[in-house]
């Protein structure tokens, strides 16, 4: 779902940076206050995990990609504010050193994948899991649903950002200046890829890692 430079107007990129900035600020304050020294290595490990799985991406019509992110997994284990910083760090390294996602589009990518995705997925998880105990099937189901819904909501946001470009930014004769695909084209293309492939992968990764941690390293879950 990485948006490269050139598909969003500079104006849109500026708006998306402004939208992401309050989340960075709030996340930094909350983590400084609440993140224990025991959790810092966990956040680093899960940020690296997010970085790795996001590198396995498949092209989607419209100039972006479909892939799992691990953002909901971080939100479930360390909280959604930790996910904001962890996924943002992974996205920054990818954009700066690997050209996966643009520097100008970084704010949009963060808002989609490090804000919308973990927060939506986290609340889906909480609503589904409720007060069930560790290892409950409701937790695994909630994790899978949270991953699936979260990544699809992020994909929908990216599709809307794409689709607004030809409507708002075009030449006098109507030729798009940036992304050429309108909303009726961008939304189906993005959602089809994420509902059928990336969403399933995100759900399986989120639930699967929780199962693994519960069985192999329960102290990681206990630390959270």
Protein backbone atom coordinates (compact mmCIF):
# COMPACT_ATOMS: atom_id res chain seq x y z
CA UNK A 1 0.00 0.00 0.00
CA UNK A 2 3.06 2.22 -0.21
CA UNK A 3 2.27 5.37 -2.20
CA UNK A 4 5.25 6.56 -4.29
CA UNK A 5 6.01 10.20 -4.98
CA UNK A 6 4.29 11.64 -8.03
CA UNK A 7 0.88 10.09 -7.41
CA UNK A 8 -0.27 12.66 -4.84
CA UNK A 9 -0.10 16.41 -5.32
CA UNK A 10 2.25 18.44 -3.10
CA UNK A 11 -0.86 19.99 -1.54
CA UNK A 12 -2.25 16.58 -0.65
CA UNK A 13 1.11 15.48 0.74
CA UNK A 14 1.23 18.58 2.95
CA UNK A 15 -2.27 17.89 4.26
CA UNK A 16 -1.35 14.28 5.04
CA UNK A 17 1.81 15.33 6.88
CA UNK A 18 -0.35 17.72 8.92
CA UNK A 19 -2.81 14.89 9.62
CA UNK A 20 -0.03 12.53 10.77
CA UNK A 21 1.84 15.09 12.90
CA UNK A 22 -0.55 15.12 15.92
CA UNK A 23 -0.35 11.34 16.10
CA UNK A 24 3.47 11.41 16.10
CA UNK A 25 3.44 14.06 18.82
CA UNK A 26 0.91 12.25 20.99
CA UNK A 27 2.57 8.87 20.47
CA UNK A 28 5.97 10.26 21.46
CA UNK A 29 4.54 11.78 24.65
CA UNK A 30 2.64 8.63 25.60
CA UNK A 31 5.57 6.32 24.94
CA UNK A 32 7.94 8.55 26.90
CA UNK A 33 5.55 8.39 29.83
CA UNK A 34 4.32 4.80 29.67
CA UNK A 35 6.82 2.66 27.77
CA UNK A 36 8.92 0.69 30.24
CA UNK A 37 12.53 -0.25 29.63
CA UNK A 38 11.38 -3.87 29.22
CA UNK A 39 9.11 -2.89 26.33
CA UNK A 40 11.67 -0.87 24.33
CA UNK A 41 13.43 -3.94 22.90
CA UNK A 42 10.03 -5.43 22.06
CA UNK A 43 9.05 -2.33 20.11
CA UNK A 44 12.35 -2.48 18.22
CA UNK A 45 11.83 -6.16 17.38
CA UNK A 46 8.27 -5.67 16.20
CA UNK A 47 9.23 -2.60 14.18
CA UNK A 48 11.86 -4.71 12.44
CA UNK A 49 9.26 -7.43 11.89
CA UNK A 50 6.92 -4.85 10.32
CA UNK A 51 9.75 -3.64 8.09
CA UNK A 52 10.51 -7.15 6.86
CA UNK A 53 6.97 -8.26 6.04
CA UNK A 54 6.21 -4.98 4.27
CA UNK A 55 9.06 -5.70 1.88
CA UNK A 56 7.09 -8.65 0.49
CA UNK A 57 4.69 -6.62 -1.63
CA UNK A 58 2.73 -7.19 -4.81
CA UNK A 59 1.94 -4.42 -7.33
CA UNK A 60 -1.63 -3.12 -7.44
CA UNK A 61 -3.08 -1.19 -10.42
CA UNK A 62 -2.78 2.50 -9.62
CA UNK A 63 0.89 2.63 -8.68
CA UNK A 64 0.82 1.22 -5.16
CA UNK A 65 1.34 -2.21 -3.57
CA UNK A 66 -0.46 -4.79 -1.42
CA UNK A 67 1.26 -6.43 1.55
CA UNK A 68 0.89 -7.27 5.21
CA UNK A 69 2.21 -4.71 7.71
CA UNK A 70 2.20 -6.13 11.23
CA UNK A 71 0.72 -2.88 12.53
CA UNK A 72 -2.24 -4.49 14.27
CA UNK A 73 0.07 -7.03 15.90
CA UNK A 74 2.13 -4.22 17.45
CA UNK A 75 -1.06 -2.46 18.57
CA UNK A 76 -2.40 -5.58 20.29
CA UNK A 77 0.85 -6.35 22.12
CA UNK A 78 2.20 -2.88 22.91
CA UNK A 79 -0.76 -0.60 22.25
CA UNK A 80 -1.81 1.47 19.21
CA UNK A 81 0.40 4.43 20.09
CA UNK A 82 3.44 2.18 20.05
CA UNK A 83 2.27 0.93 16.66
CA UNK A 84 2.19 4.52 15.35
CA UNK A 85 5.89 4.95 16.12
CA UNK A 86 6.97 1.43 15.23
CA UNK A 87 5.32 1.34 11.80
CA UNK A 88 6.36 4.95 11.11
CA UNK A 89 9.99 4.02 11.74
CA UNK A 90 9.72 1.05 9.37
CA UNK A 91 8.10 3.20 6.69
CA UNK A 92 10.75 5.90 7.05
CA UNK A 93 13.62 3.46 6.54
CA UNK A 94 11.88 1.91 3.55
CA UNK A 95 11.24 5.28 1.93
CA UNK A 96 14.69 6.72 2.63
CA UNK A 97 16.93 3.75 1.82
CA UNK A 98 14.86 1.41 -0.36
CA UNK A 99 12.60 3.74 -2.35
CA UNK A 100 9.53 1.85 -1.13
CA UNK A 101 7.07 4.72 -0.74
CA UNK A 102 7.89 8.34 -1.40
CA UNK A 103 9.41 10.96 0.88
CA UNK A 104 6.73 13.50 -0.03
CA UNK A 105 4.07 10.79 0.35
CA UNK A 106 5.51 9.64 3.69
CA UNK A 107 2.84 11.48 5.67
CA UNK A 108 0.08 9.79 3.67
CA UNK A 109 1.67 6.36 4.07
CA UNK A 110 2.03 6.91 7.81
CA UNK A 111 -1.56 8.10 8.19
CA UNK A 112 -2.85 5.06 6.30
CA UNK A 113 -0.60 2.32 7.67
CA UNK A 114 0.60 3.64 11.04
CA UNK A 115 -2.57 5.41 12.20
CA UNK A 116 -5.72 4.09 10.54
CA UNK A 117 -4.57 0.47 10.32
CA UNK A 118 -3.45 -0.12 13.94
CA UNK A 119 -6.19 1.90 15.60
CA UNK A 120 -9.01 0.31 13.60
CA UNK A 121 -7.51 -3.16 13.98
CA UNK A 122 -6.91 -2.69 17.70
CA UNK A 123 -10.51 -1.70 18.42
CA UNK A 124 -11.87 -4.55 16.31
CA UNK A 125 -9.67 -6.85 18.37
CA UNK A 126 -10.84 -5.35 21.67
CA UNK A 127 -14.51 -5.56 20.69
CA UNK A 128 -14.15 -9.18 19.59
CA UNK A 129 -11.88 -10.45 22.37
CA UNK A 130 -13.70 -8.59 25.13
CA UNK A 131 -12.63 -9.75 28.57
CA UNK A 132 -11.63 -13.24 27.43
CA UNK A 133 -8.50 -14.68 29.01
CA UNK A 134 -5.11 -15.29 27.36
CA UNK A 135 -5.25 -18.06 24.79
CA UNK A 136 -9.00 -17.73 24.27
CA UNK A 137 -10.29 -18.42 20.76
CA UNK A 138 -11.94 -15.01 20.90
CA UNK A 139 -8.50 -13.43 21.09
CA UNK A 140 -7.22 -15.25 18.02
CA UNK A 141 -10.44 -14.46 16.14
CA UNK A 142 -10.24 -10.82 17.22
CA UNK A 143 -6.61 -10.59 16.09
CA UNK A 144 -7.43 -12.07 12.69
CA UNK A 145 -10.47 -9.82 12.21
CA UNK A 146 -8.56 -6.78 13.44
CA UNK A 147 -5.73 -7.40 10.99
CA UNK A 148 -8.14 -7.99 8.11
CA UNK A 149 -10.38 -4.98 8.73
CA UNK A 150 -7.53 -2.66 9.69
CA UNK A 151 -5.54 -3.16 6.51
CA UNK A 152 -8.63 -2.84 4.34
CA UNK A 153 -9.57 0.46 5.97
CA UNK A 154 -6.03 1.69 5.32
CA UNK A 155 -6.33 0.56 1.69
CA UNK A 156 -9.64 2.40 1.38
CA UNK A 157 -8.02 5.60 2.68
CA UNK A 158 -5.20 5.27 0.15
CA UNK A 159 -7.71 4.66 -2.64
CA UNK A 160 -9.64 7.80 -1.72
CA UNK A 161 -6.41 9.80 -1.69
CA UNK A 162 -5.64 8.47 -5.16
CA UNK A 163 -9.15 9.03 -6.44
CA UNK A 164 -9.28 12.67 -5.36
CA UNK A 165 -6.22 13.60 -7.42
CA UNK A 166 -7.77 13.70 -10.93
CA UNK A 167 -10.82 15.45 -9.47
CA UNK A 168 -8.84 18.23 -7.79
CA UNK A 169 -5.66 18.53 -9.83
CA UNK A 170 -5.87 18.56 -13.61
CA UNK A 171 -5.12 20.73 -16.62
CA UNK A 172 -7.65 22.97 -18.30
CA UNK A 173 -8.68 20.16 -20.64
CA UNK A 174 -9.13 17.70 -17.78
CA UNK A 175 -5.85 15.77 -18.02
CA UNK A 176 -4.84 14.57 -14.51
CA UNK A 177 -1.62 16.05 -13.18
CA UNK A 178 -0.91 13.26 -10.71
CA UNK A 179 -2.69 9.94 -10.17
CA UNK A 180 -4.88 9.36 -13.26
CA UNK A 181 -7.36 6.98 -11.59
CA UNK A 182 -10.61 8.35 -10.20
CA UNK A 183 -12.36 7.04 -7.10
CA UNK A 184 -14.55 4.61 -9.06
CA UNK A 185 -11.35 2.98 -10.37
CA UNK A 186 -9.01 3.31 -7.39
CA UNK A 187 -11.36 1.99 -4.70
CA UNK A 188 -12.24 -1.33 -6.39
CA UNK A 189 -8.61 -1.94 -7.43
CA UNK A 190 -7.24 -1.34 -3.94
CA UNK A 191 -9.98 -3.16 -2.04
CA UNK A 192 -9.97 -6.19 -4.33
CA UNK A 193 -6.24 -6.74 -3.77
CA UNK A 194 -6.46 -6.22 -0.03
CA UNK A 195 -9.71 -8.07 0.61
CA UNK A 196 -8.53 -11.13 -1.30
CA UNK A 197 -4.78 -11.24 -0.58
CA UNK A 198 -3.21 -8.68 1.76
CA UNK A 199 -6.08 -8.67 4.26
CA UNK A 200 -5.98 -12.44 4.63
CA UNK A 201 -2.20 -12.31 5.03
CA UNK A 202 -2.47 -9.57 7.67
CA UNK A 203 -5.10 -11.50 9.61
CA UNK A 204 -3.13 -14.75 9.52
CA UNK A 205 0.13 -13.04 10.51
CA UNK A 206 -1.51 -11.19 13.41
CA UNK A 207 -3.31 -14.22 14.83
CA UNK A 208 -0.46 -16.61 14.02
CA UNK A 209 2.22 -14.61 15.80
CA UNK A 210 -0.01 -14.24 18.87
CA UNK A 211 -0.48 -18.01 18.97
CA UNK A 212 3.27 -18.51 18.60
CA UNK A 213 4.08 -16.04 21.35
CA UNK A 214 1.52 -17.59 23.69
CA UNK A 215 3.01 -21.05 23.23
CA UNK A 216 6.70 -20.26 22.91
CA UNK A 217 7.30 -16.93 24.67
CA UNK A 218 4.39 -16.19 27.02
CA UNK A 219 6.62 -13.80 28.94
CA UNK A 220 6.43 -11.41 25.97
CA UNK A 221 2.67 -11.17 26.30
CA UNK A 222 2.95 -11.01 30.07
CA UNK A 223 5.32 -8.04 29.78
CA UNK A 224 2.61 -6.07 28.00
